[in-house]
Amino acid sequence: MSNTNSMATKSIFSLIMSFSMPAFIALLVNSIYNIVDRVFIGHYVGENALAGLTISYPIMYIVFAGAVLIGRGGSNLISIKLGENKKEEANTFFTNTIFFYLHG
């Protein structure tokens, strides 16, 4: 593995693609899971269970959005503090981010 800084040498498009690919794959797998889940529940359990899934699906995405908000905000603050070479403050932000994940 080389010691070159890919953030300084690669193009912005390739960086965006490489950093966004895991999120894209996760969302794709989640969507396929939900489609298959709805097919089986609608076929084997019935209409009422499918209606329950339809109501709970937006709530699940609201919770997911809150988790992304906490994670992205915390990682940005941690990166800023590490860039300023303030490791103690970065550790504090990391601890707070984990606490909000587990407590919220």
PDB file of N, CA and C in Angstrom:
ATOM      1  N   MET A   1       0.838  -1.173   0.000  1.00  0.00           N
ATOM      2  CA  MET A   1       0.000   0.000   0.000  1.00  0.00           C
ATOM      3  C   MET A   1       0.887   1.242   0.000  1.00  0.00           C
ATOM      4  N   SER A   2       0.570   2.191  -0.829  1.00  0.00           N
ATOM      5  CA  SER A   2       1.409   3.382  -0.927  1.00  0.00           C
ATOM      6  C   SER A   2       0.996   4.431   0.089  1.00  0.00           C
ATOM      7  N   ASN A   3       1.890   5.350   0.354  1.00  0.00           N
ATOM      8  CA  ASN A   3       1.644   6.420   1.318  1.00  0.00           C
ATOM      9  C   ASN A   3       1.119   7.688   0.674  1.00  0.00           C
ATOM     10  N   THR A   4       0.809   7.668  -0.618  1.00  0.00           N
ATOM     11  CA  THR A   4       0.328   8.876  -1.277  1.00  0.00           C
ATOM     12  C   THR A   4      -1.073   9.209  -0.802  1.00  0.00           C
ATOM     13  N   ASN A   5      -1.358  10.493  -0.751  1.00  0.00           N
ATOM     14  CA  ASN A   5      -2.656  10.974  -0.303  1.00  0.00           C
ATOM     15  C   ASN A   5      -3.602  10.998  -1.499  1.00  0.00           C
ATOM     16  N   SER A   6      -4.543  10.077  -1.541  1.00  0.00           N
ATOM     17  CA  SER A   6      -5.461  10.000  -2.682  1.00  0.00           C
ATOM     18  C   SER A   6      -6.382  11.203  -2.751  1.00  0.00           C
ATOM     19  N   MET A   7      -6.637  11.851  -1.619  1.00  0.00           N
ATOM     20  CA  MET A   7      -7.495  13.038  -1.631  1.00  0.00           C
ATOM     21  C   MET A   7      -6.832  14.187  -2.382  1.00  0.00           C
ATOM     22  N   ALA A   8      -5.514  14.195  -2.434  1.00  0.00           N
ATOM     23  CA  ALA A   8      -4.795  15.279  -3.096  1.00  0.00           C
ATOM     24  C   ALA A   8      -4.444  14.959  -4.544  1.00  0.00           C
ATOM     25  N   THR A   9      -4.452  13.681  -4.921  1.00  0.00           N
ATOM     26  CA  THR A   9      -3.990  13.316  -6.253  1.00  0.00           C
ATOM     27  C   THR A   9      -5.097  12.896  -7.204  1.00  0.00           C
ATOM     28  N   LYS A  10      -6.190  12.329  -6.715  1.00  0.00           N
ATOM     29  CA  LYS A  10      -7.259  11.854  -7.589  1.00  0.00           C
ATOM     30  C   LYS A  10      -8.201  12.982  -7.978  1.00  0.00           C
ATOM     31  N   SER A  11      -8.949  12.744  -9.058  1.00  0.00           N
ATOM     32  CA  SER A  11      -9.938  13.742  -9.479  1.00  0.00           C
ATOM     33  C   SER A  11     -11.143  13.702  -8.544  1.00  0.00           C
ATOM     34  N   ILE A  12     -11.877  14.787  -8.525  1.00  0.00           N
ATOM     35  CA  ILE A  12     -13.026  14.893  -7.626  1.00  0.00           C
ATOM     36  C   ILE A  12     -14.087  13.868  -7.988  1.00  0.00           C
ATOM     37  N   PHE A  13     -14.322  13.655  -9.279  1.00  0.00           N
ATOM     38  CA  PHE A  13     -15.336  12.692  -9.703  1.00  0.00           C
ATOM     39  C   PHE A  13     -15.003  11.284  -9.217  1.00  0.00           C
ATOM     40  N   SER A  14     -13.742  10.867  -9.361  1.00  0.00           N
ATOM     41  CA  SER A  14     -13.381   9.512  -8.918  1.00  0.00           C
ATOM     42  C   SER A  14     -13.456   9.387  -7.399  1.00  0.00           C
ATOM     43  N   LEU A  15     -13.140  10.470  -6.670  1.00  0.00           N
ATOM     44  CA  LEU A  15     -13.275  10.429  -5.216  1.00  0.00           C
ATOM     45  C   LEU A  15     -14.728  10.317  -4.794  1.00  0.00           C
ATOM     46  N   ILE A  16     -15.594  11.087  -5.442  1.00  0.00           N
ATOM     47  CA  ILE A  16     -17.021  11.018  -5.118  1.00  0.00           C
ATOM     48  C   ILE A  16     -17.554   9.621  -5.404  1.00  0.00           C
ATOM     49  N   MET A  17     -17.171   9.062  -6.533  1.00  0.00           N
ATOM     50  CA  MET A  17     -17.640   7.717  -6.872  1.00  0.00           C
ATOM     51  C   MET A  17     -17.129   6.672  -5.886  1.00  0.00           C
ATOM     52  N   SER A  18     -15.870   6.767  -5.491  1.00  0.00           N
ATOM     53  CA  SER A  18     -15.321   5.756  -4.586  1.00  0.00           C
ATOM     54  C   SER A  18     -15.890   5.884  -3.173  1.00  0.00           C
ATOM     55  N   PHE A  19     -16.182   7.106  -2.738  1.00  0.00           N
ATOM     56  CA  PHE A  19     -16.725   7.273  -1.392  1.00  0.00           C
ATOM     57  C   PHE A  19     -18.238   7.056  -1.336  1.00  0.00           C
ATOM     58  N   SER A  20     -18.939   7.244  -2.437  1.00  0.00           N
ATOM     59  CA  SER A  20     -20.388   7.079  -2.413  1.00  0.00           C
ATOM     60  C   SER A  20     -20.829   5.665  -2.773  1.00  0.00           C
ATOM     61  N   MET A  21     -19.939   4.854  -3.315  1.00  0.00           N
ATOM     62  CA  MET A  21     -20.315   3.504  -3.711  1.00  0.00           C
ATOM     63  C   MET A  21     -20.821   2.634  -2.553  1.00  0.00           C
ATOM     64  N   PRO A  22     -20.193   2.626  -1.368  1.00  0.00           N
ATOM     65  CA  PRO A  22     -20.742   1.808  -0.282  1.00  0.00           C
ATOM     66  C   PRO A  22     -22.160   2.227   0.122  1.00  0.00           C
ATOM     67  N   ALA A  23     -22.429   3.521   0.152  1.00  0.00           N
ATOM     68  CA  ALA A  23     -23.776   3.988   0.496  1.00  0.00           C
ATOM     69  C   ALA A  23     -24.770   3.578  -0.579  1.00  0.00           C
ATOM     70  N   PHE A  24     -24.384   3.671  -1.846  1.00  0.00           N
ATOM     71  CA  PHE A  24     -25.261   3.268  -2.939  1.00  0.00           C
ATOM     72  C   PHE A  24     -25.591   1.781  -2.859  1.00  0.00           C
ATOM     73  N   ILE A  25     -24.599   0.967  -2.611  1.00  0.00           N
ATOM     74  CA  ILE A  25     -24.818  -0.480  -2.515  1.00  0.00           C
ATOM     75  C   ILE A  25     -25.714  -0.804  -1.321  1.00  0.00           C
ATOM     76  N   ALA A  26     -25.511  -0.137  -0.198  1.00  0.00           N
ATOM     77  CA  ALA A  26     -26.339  -0.377   0.985  1.00  0.00           C
ATOM     78  C   ALA A  26     -27.796  -0.007   0.722  1.00  0.00           C
ATOM     79  N   LEU A  27     -28.030   1.122   0.074  1.00  0.00           N
ATOM     80  CA  LEU A  27     -29.403   1.518  -0.239  1.00  0.00           C
ATOM     81  C   LEU A  27     -30.046   0.571  -1.253  1.00  0.00           C
ATOM     82  N   LEU A  28     -29.274   0.103  -2.221  1.00  0.00           N
ATOM     83  CA  LEU A  28     -29.791  -0.841  -3.212  1.00  0.00           C
ATOM     84  C   LEU A  28     -30.180  -2.162  -2.550  1.00  0.00           C
ATOM     85  N   VAL A  29     -29.319  -2.681  -1.681  1.00  0.00           N
ATOM     86  CA  VAL A  29     -29.624  -3.939  -0.979  1.00  0.00           C
ATOM     87  C   VAL A  29     -30.854  -3.757  -0.089  1.00  0.00           C
ATOM     88  N   ASN A  30     -30.961  -2.616   0.593  1.00  0.00           N
ATOM     89  CA  ASN A  30     -32.114  -2.350   1.449  1.00  0.00           C
ATOM     90  C   ASN A  30     -33.402  -2.290   0.627  1.00  0.00           C
ATOM     91  N   SER A  31     -33.361  -1.667  -0.527  1.00  0.00           N
ATOM     92  CA  SER A  31     -34.550  -1.583  -1.374  1.00  0.00           C
ATOM     93  C   SER A  31     -34.959  -2.953  -1.893  1.00  0.00           C
ATOM     94  N   ILE A  32     -33.998  -3.746  -2.330  1.00  0.00           N
ATOM     95  CA  ILE A  32     -34.315  -5.102  -2.809  1.00  0.00           C
ATOM     96  C   ILE A  32     -34.891  -5.942  -1.673  1.00  0.00           C
ATOM     97  N   TYR A  33     -34.321  -5.815  -0.479  1.00  0.00           N
ATOM     98  CA  TYR A  33     -34.836  -6.539   0.683  1.00  0.00           C
ATOM     99  C   TYR A  33     -36.297  -6.159   0.948  1.00  0.00           C
ATOM    100  N   ASN A  34     -36.606  -4.862   0.897  1.00  0.00           N
ATOM    101  CA  ASN A  34     -37.975  -4.429   1.164  1.00  0.00           C
ATOM    102  C   ASN A  34     -38.949  -4.905   0.101  1.00  0.00           C
ATOM    103  N   ILE A  35     -38.543  -4.938  -1.149  1.00  0.00           N
ATOM    104  CA  ILE A  35     -39.418  -5.431  -2.210  1.00  0.00           C
ATOM    105  C   ILE A  35     -39.712  -6.911  -2.009  1.00  0.00           C
ATOM    106  N   VAL A  36     -38.673  -7.692  -1.776  1.00  0.00           N
ATOM    107  CA  VAL A  36     -38.860  -9.131  -1.569  1.00  0.00           C
ATOM    108  C   VAL A  36     -39.683  -9.391  -0.309  1.00  0.00           C
ATOM    109  N   ASP A  37     -39.425  -8.633   0.742  1.00  0.00           N
ATOM    110  CA  ASP A  37     -40.176  -8.766   1.989  1.00  0.00           C
ATOM    111  C   ASP A  37     -41.665  -8.499   1.763  1.00  0.00           C
ATOM    112  N   ARG A  38     -41.981  -7.477   1.013  1.00  0.00           N
ATOM    113  CA  ARG A  38     -43.390  -7.139   0.745  1.00  0.00           C
ATOM    114  C   ARG A  38     -44.069  -8.210  -0.101  1.00  0.00           C
ATOM    115  N   VAL A  39     -43.334  -8.787  -1.038  1.00  0.00           N
ATOM    116  CA  VAL A  39     -43.920  -9.851  -1.859  1.00  0.00           C
ATOM    117  C   VAL A  39     -44.299 -11.041  -0.988  1.00  0.00           C
ATOM    118  N   PHE A  40     -43.379 -11.485  -0.132  1.00  0.00           N
ATOM    119  CA  PHE A  40     -43.660 -12.645   0.709  1.00  0.00           C
ATOM    120  C   PHE A  40     -44.741 -12.347   1.746  1.00  0.00           C
ATOM    121  N   ILE A  41     -44.681 -11.184   2.382  1.00  0.00           N
ATOM    122  CA  ILE A  41     -45.689 -10.856   3.385  1.00  0.00           C
ATOM    123  C   ILE A  41     -47.054 -10.681   2.746  1.00  0.00           C
ATOM    124  N   GLY A  42     -47.106 -10.017   1.599  1.00  0.00           N
ATOM    125  CA  GLY A  42     -48.388  -9.858   0.910  1.00  0.00           C
ATOM    126  C   GLY A  42     -48.968 -11.174   0.439  1.00  0.00           C
ATOM    127  N   HIS A  43     -48.110 -12.092   0.045  1.00  0.00           N
ATOM    128  CA  HIS A  43     -48.593 -13.372  -0.474  1.00  0.00           C
ATOM    129  C   HIS A  43     -48.968 -14.338   0.632  1.00  0.00           C
ATOM    130  N   TYR A  44     -48.190 -14.406   1.708  1.00  0.00           N
ATOM    131  CA  TYR A  44     -48.405 -15.416   2.734  1.00  0.00           C
ATOM    132  C   TYR A  44     -49.142 -14.915   3.975  1.00  0.00           C
ATOM    133  N   VAL A  45     -48.982 -13.651   4.354  1.00  0.00           N
ATOM    134  CA  VAL A  45     -49.597 -13.168   5.582  1.00  0.00           C
ATOM    135  C   VAL A  45     -50.917 -12.475   5.294  1.00  0.00           C
ATOM    136  N   GLY A  46     -50.925 -11.565   4.335  1.00  0.00           N
ATOM    137  CA  GLY A  46     -52.178 -10.934   3.970  1.00  0.00           C
ATOM    138  C   GLY A  46     -52.092  -9.434   3.804  1.00  0.00           C
ATOM    139  N   GLU A  47     -53.240  -8.868   3.523  1.00  0.00           N
ATOM    140  CA  GLU A  47     -53.321  -7.439   3.216  1.00  0.00           C
ATOM    141  C   GLU A  47     -53.048  -6.557   4.440  1.00  0.00           C
ATOM    142  N   ASN A  48     -53.531  -6.963   5.608  1.00  0.00           N
ATOM    143  CA  ASN A  48     -53.323  -6.141   6.808  1.00  0.00           C
ATOM    144  C   ASN A  48     -51.835  -6.025   7.170  1.00  0.00           C
ATOM    145  N   ALA A  49     -51.090  -7.107   7.027  1.00  0.00           N
ATOM    146  CA  ALA A  49     -49.655  -7.057   7.298  1.00  0.00           C
ATOM    147  C   ALA A  49     -48.944  -6.176   6.279  1.00  0.00           C
ATOM    148  N   LEU A  50     -49.385  -6.227   5.042  1.00  0.00           N
ATOM    149  CA  LEU A  50     -48.794  -5.381   4.013  1.00  0.00           C
ATOM    150  C   LEU A  50     -49.107  -3.912   4.273  1.00  0.00           C
ATOM    151  N   ALA A  51     -50.310  -3.629   4.775  1.00  0.00           N
ATOM    152  CA  ALA A  51     -50.652  -2.256   5.146  1.00  0.00           C
ATOM    153  C   ALA A  51     -49.791  -1.774   6.316  1.00  0.00           C
ATOM    154  N   GLY A  52     -49.511  -2.644   7.267  1.00  0.00           N
ATOM    155  CA  GLY A  52     -48.634  -2.292   8.379  1.00  0.00           C
ATOM    156  C   GLY A  52     -47.221  -1.963   7.915  1.00  0.00           C
ATOM    157  N   LEU A  53     -46.724  -2.727   6.945  1.00  0.00           N
ATOM    158  CA  LEU A  53     -45.407  -2.416   6.383  1.00  0.00           C
ATOM    159  C   LEU A  53     -45.410  -1.077   5.659  1.00  0.00           C
ATOM    160  N   THR A  54     -46.493  -0.791   4.967  1.00  0.00           N
ATOM    161  CA  THR A  54     -46.592   0.472   4.237  1.00  0.00           C
ATOM    162  C   THR A  54     -46.574   1.658   5.192  1.00  0.00           C
ATOM    163  N   ILE A  55     -47.177   1.512   6.354  1.00  0.00           N
ATOM    164  CA  ILE A  55     -47.184   2.591   7.344  1.00  0.00           C
ATOM    165  C   ILE A  55     -45.818   2.717   8.030  1.00  0.00           C
ATOM    166  N   SER A  56     -45.167   1.599   8.312  1.00  0.00           N
ATOM    167  CA  SER A  56     -43.903   1.652   9.055  1.00  0.00           C
ATOM    168  C   SER A  56     -42.699   2.004   8.189  1.00  0.00           C
ATOM    169  N   TYR A  57     -42.797   1.869   6.886  1.00  0.00           N
ATOM    170  CA  TYR A  57     -41.669   2.129   5.991  1.00  0.00           C
ATOM    171  C   TYR A  57     -41.181   3.583   6.069  1.00  0.00           C
ATOM    172  N   PRO A  58     -42.041   4.592   5.998  1.00  0.00           N
ATOM    173  CA  PRO A  58     -41.543   5.969   6.133  1.00  0.00           C
ATOM    174  C   PRO A  58     -40.954   6.263   7.513  1.00  0.00           C
ATOM    175  N   ILE A  59     -41.498   5.649   8.546  1.00  0.00           N
ATOM    176  CA  ILE A  59     -40.962   5.840   9.894  1.00  0.00           C
ATOM    177  C   ILE A  59     -39.542   5.287   9.976  1.00  0.00           C
ATOM    178  N   MET A  60     -39.314   4.159   9.326  1.00  0.00           N
ATOM    179  CA  MET A  60     -37.988   3.566   9.302  1.00  0.00           C
ATOM    180  C   MET A  60     -36.994   4.512   8.626  1.00  0.00           C
ATOM    181  N   TYR A  61     -37.408   5.159   7.551  1.00  0.00           N
ATOM    182  CA  TYR A  61     -36.508   6.078   6.859  1.00  0.00           C
ATOM    183  C   TYR A  61     -36.263   7.356   7.656  1.00  0.00           C
ATOM    184  N   ILE A  62     -37.211   7.782   8.447  1.00  0.00           N
ATOM    185  CA  ILE A  62     -36.995   8.938   9.325  1.00  0.00           C
ATOM    186  C   ILE A  62     -35.943   8.598  10.382  1.00  0.00           C
ATOM    187  N   VAL A  63     -36.025   7.412  10.955  1.00  0.00           N
ATOM    188  CA  VAL A  63     -35.029   6.968  11.932  1.00  0.00           C
ATOM    189  C   VAL A  63     -33.661   6.838  11.257  1.00  0.00           C
ATOM    190  N   PHE A  64     -33.639   6.296  10.046  1.00  0.00           N
ATOM    191  CA  PHE A  64     -32.398   6.174   9.288  1.00  0.00           C
ATOM    192  C   PHE A  64     -31.793   7.549   9.005  1.00  0.00           C
ATOM    193  N   ALA A  65     -32.633   8.520   8.667  1.00  0.00           N
ATOM    194  CA  ALA A  65     -32.139   9.876   8.406  1.00  0.00           C
ATOM    195  C   ALA A  65     -31.531  10.498   9.658  1.00  0.00           C
ATOM    196  N   GLY A  66     -32.126  10.246  10.810  1.00  0.00           N
ATOM    197  CA  GLY A  66     -31.553  10.743  12.066  1.00  0.00           C
ATOM    198  C   GLY A  66     -30.199  10.125  12.351  1.00  0.00           C
ATOM    199  N   ALA A  67     -30.060   8.833  12.068  1.00  0.00           N
ATOM    200  CA  ALA A  67     -28.776   8.162  12.272  1.00  0.00           C
ATOM    201  C   ALA A  67     -27.711   8.710  11.330  1.00  0.00           C
ATOM    202  N   VAL A  68     -28.098   8.965  10.091  1.00  0.00           N
ATOM    203  CA  VAL A  68     -27.154   9.536   9.127  1.00  0.00           C
ATOM    204  C   VAL A  68     -26.761  10.947   9.544  1.00  0.00           C
ATOM    205  N   LEU A  69     -27.714  11.711  10.052  1.00  0.00           N
ATOM    206  CA  LEU A  69     -27.433  13.066  10.529  1.00  0.00           C
ATOM    207  C   LEU A  69     -26.389  13.049  11.638  1.00  0.00           C
ATOM    208  N   ILE A  70     -26.569  12.168  12.601  1.00  0.00           N
ATOM    209  CA  ILE A  70     -25.626  12.069  13.719  1.00  0.00           C
ATOM    210  C   ILE A  70     -24.261  11.590  13.225  1.00  0.00           C
ATOM    211  N   GLY A  71     -24.248  10.578  12.372  1.00  0.00           N
ATOM    212  CA  GLY A  71     -22.983  10.023  11.897  1.00  0.00           C
ATOM    213  C   GLY A  71     -22.201  10.986  11.020  1.00  0.00           C
ATOM    214  N   ARG A  72     -22.861  11.596  10.071  1.00  0.00           N
ATOM    215  CA  ARG A  72     -22.162  12.524   9.175  1.00  0.00           C
ATOM    216  C   ARG A  72     -21.703  13.769   9.919  1.00  0.00           C
ATOM    217  N   GLY A  73     -22.555  14.308  10.767  1.00  0.00           N
ATOM    218  CA  GLY A  73     -22.159  15.495  11.527  1.00  0.00           C
ATOM    219  C   GLY A  73     -21.001  15.208  12.454  1.00  0.00           C
ATOM    220  N   GLY A  74     -21.065  14.079  13.137  1.00  0.00           N
ATOM    221  CA  GLY A  74     -19.976  13.705  14.040  1.00  0.00           C
ATOM    222  C   GLY A  74     -18.677  13.460  13.301  1.00  0.00           C
ATOM    223  N   SER A  75     -18.749  12.778  12.164  1.00  0.00           N
ATOM    224  CA  SER A  75     -17.514  12.503  11.425  1.00  0.00           C
ATOM    225  C   SER A  75     -16.901  13.780  10.864  1.00  0.00           C
ATOM    226  N   ASN A  76     -17.737  14.732  10.458  1.00  0.00           N
ATOM    227  CA  ASN A  76     -17.193  16.013   9.985  1.00  0.00           C
ATOM    228  C   ASN A  76     -16.480  16.757  11.108  1.00  0.00           C
ATOM    229  N   LEU A  77     -17.103  16.807  12.277  1.00  0.00           N
ATOM    230  CA  LEU A  77     -16.465  17.490  13.405  1.00  0.00           C
ATOM    231  C   LEU A  77     -15.171  16.799  13.828  1.00  0.00           C
ATOM    232  N   ILE A  78     -15.184  15.478  13.826  1.00  0.00           N
ATOM    233  CA  ILE A  78     -13.977  14.724  14.175  1.00  0.00           C
ATOM    234  C   ILE A  78     -12.871  15.005  13.162  1.00  0.00           C
ATOM    235  N   SER A  79     -13.204  15.037  11.874  1.00  0.00           N
ATOM    236  CA  SER A  79     -12.203  15.309  10.841  1.00  0.00           C
ATOM    237  C   SER A  79     -11.613  16.701  10.981  1.00  0.00           C
ATOM    238  N   ILE A  80     -12.455  17.678  11.293  1.00  0.00           N
ATOM    239  CA  ILE A  80     -11.968  19.048  11.472  1.00  0.00           C
ATOM    240  C   ILE A  80     -10.987  19.108  12.636  1.00  0.00           C
ATOM    241  N   LYS A  81     -11.354  18.494  13.746  1.00  0.00           N
ATOM    242  CA  LYS A  81     -10.479  18.544  14.922  1.00  0.00           C
ATOM    243  C   LYS A  81      -9.180  17.765  14.710  1.00  0.00           C
ATOM    244  N   LEU A  82      -9.240  16.650  13.995  1.00  0.00           N
ATOM    245  CA  LEU A  82      -8.007  15.922  13.694  1.00  0.00           C
ATOM    246  C   LEU A  82      -7.128  16.719  12.749  1.00  0.00           C
ATOM    247  N   GLY A  83      -7.743  17.452  11.808  1.00  0.00           N
ATOM    248  CA  GLY A  83      -6.973  18.315  10.918  1.00  0.00           C
ATOM    249  C   GLY A  83      -6.300  19.449  11.656  1.00  0.00           C
ATOM    250  N   GLU A  84      -6.925  19.916  12.729  1.00  0.00           N
ATOM    251  CA  GLU A  84      -6.324  20.962  13.565  1.00  0.00           C
ATOM    252  C   GLU A  84      -5.348  20.395  14.586  1.00  0.00           C
ATOM    253  N   ASN A  85      -5.173  19.077  14.569  1.00  0.00           N
ATOM    254  CA  ASN A  85      -4.298  18.354  15.497  1.00  0.00           C
ATOM    255  C   ASN A  85      -4.757  18.506  16.948  1.00  0.00           C
ATOM    256  N   LYS A  86      -6.074  18.525  17.148  1.00  0.00           N
ATOM    257  CA  LYS A  86      -6.662  18.576  18.491  1.00  0.00           C
ATOM    258  C   LYS A  86      -7.311  17.215  18.765  1.00  0.00           C
ATOM    259  N   LYS A  87      -6.475  16.267  19.160  1.00  0.00           N
ATOM    260  CA  LYS A  87      -6.938  14.885  19.304  1.00  0.00           C
ATOM    261  C   LYS A  87      -7.882  14.701  20.480  1.00  0.00           C
ATOM    262  N   GLU A  88      -7.690  15.451  21.550  1.00  0.00           N
ATOM    263  CA  GLU A  88      -8.585  15.327  22.708  1.00  0.00           C
ATOM    264  C   GLU A  88     -10.005  15.770  22.356  1.00  0.00           C
ATOM    265  N   GLU A  89     -10.124  16.880  21.626  1.00  0.00           N
ATOM    266  CA  GLU A  89     -11.451  17.337  21.216  1.00  0.00           C
ATOM    267  C   GLU A  89     -12.074  16.380  20.213  1.00  0.00           C
ATOM    268  N   ALA A  90     -11.257  15.791  19.335  1.00  0.00           N
ATOM    269  CA  ALA A  90     -11.759  14.793  18.393  1.00  0.00           C
ATOM    270  C   ALA A  90     -12.283  13.570  19.142  1.00  0.00           C
ATOM    271  N   ASN A  91     -11.576  13.155  20.184  1.00  0.00           N
ATOM    272  CA  ASN A  91     -12.042  12.035  21.011  1.00  0.00           C
ATOM    273  C   ASN A  91     -13.357  12.369  21.699  1.00  0.00           C
ATOM    274  N   THR A  92     -13.506  13.621  22.133  1.00  0.00           N
ATOM    275  CA  THR A  92     -14.758  14.043  22.764  1.00  0.00           C
ATOM    276  C   THR A  92     -15.911  13.975  21.771  1.00  0.00           C
ATOM    277  N   PHE A  93     -15.685  14.456  20.541  1.00  0.00           N
ATOM    278  CA  PHE A  93     -16.729  14.382  19.520  1.00  0.00           C
ATOM    279  C   PHE A  93     -17.061  12.935  19.172  1.00  0.00           C
ATOM    280  N   PHE A  94     -16.034  12.083  19.112  1.00  0.00           N
ATOM    281  CA  PHE A  94     -16.263  10.669  18.820  1.00  0.00           C
ATOM    282  C   PHE A  94     -17.112  10.025  19.914  1.00  0.00           C
ATOM    283  N   THR A  95     -16.780  10.310  21.162  1.00  0.00           N
ATOM    284  CA  THR A  95     -17.539   9.761  22.283  1.00  0.00           C
ATOM    285  C   THR A  95     -18.988  10.238  22.251  1.00  0.00           C
ATOM    286  N   ASN A  96     -19.189  11.522  21.971  1.00  0.00           N
ATOM    287  CA  ASN A  96     -20.550  12.057  21.897  1.00  0.00           C
ATOM    288  C   ASN A  96     -21.338  11.434  20.746  1.00  0.00           C
ATOM    289  N   THR A  97     -20.678  11.221  19.616  1.00  0.00           N
ATOM    290  CA  THR A  97     -21.357  10.608  18.473  1.00  0.00           C
ATOM    291  C   THR A  97     -21.801   9.193  18.803  1.00  0.00           C
ATOM    292  N   ILE A  98     -20.922   8.400  19.407  1.00  0.00           N
ATOM    293  CA  ILE A  98     -21.284   7.035  19.793  1.00  0.00           C
ATOM    294  C   ILE A  98     -22.389   7.054  20.833  1.00  0.00           C
ATOM    295  N   PHE A  99     -22.330   7.988  21.783  1.00  0.00           N
ATOM    296  CA  PHE A  99     -23.359   8.092  22.805  1.00  0.00           C
ATOM    297  C   PHE A  99     -24.727   8.398  22.183  1.00  0.00           C
ATOM    298  N   PHE A 100     -24.763   9.315  21.228  1.00  0.00           N
ATOM    299  CA  PHE A 100     -26.030   9.650  20.579  1.00  0.00           C
ATOM    300  C   PHE A 100     -26.575   8.476  19.774  1.00  0.00           C
ATOM    301  N   TYR A 101     -25.687   7.711  19.143  1.00  0.00           N
ATOM    302  CA  TYR A 101     -26.130   6.523  18.415  1.00  0.00           C
ATOM    303  C   TYR A 101     -26.774   5.511  19.358  1.00  0.00           C
ATOM    304  N   LEU A 102     -26.099   5.244  20.454  1.00  0.00           N
ATOM    305  CA  LEU A 102     -26.565   4.207  21.364  1.00  0.00           C
ATOM    306  C   LEU A 102     -27.738   4.660  22.233  1.00  0.00           C
ATOM    307  N   HIS A 103     -27.756   5.922  22.565  1.00  0.00           N
ATOM    308  CA  HIS A 103     -28.780   6.435  23.479  1.00  0.00           C
ATOM    309  C   HIS A 103     -30.060   6.863  22.744  1.00  0.00           C
ATOM    310  N   GLY A 104     -29.908   7.330  21.534  1.00  0.00           N
ATOM    311  CA  GLY A 104     -31.060   7.880  20.793  1.00  0.00           C
ATOM    312  C   GLY A 104     -31.848   6.834  20.160  1.00  0.00           C
TER     313      GLY A 104
END
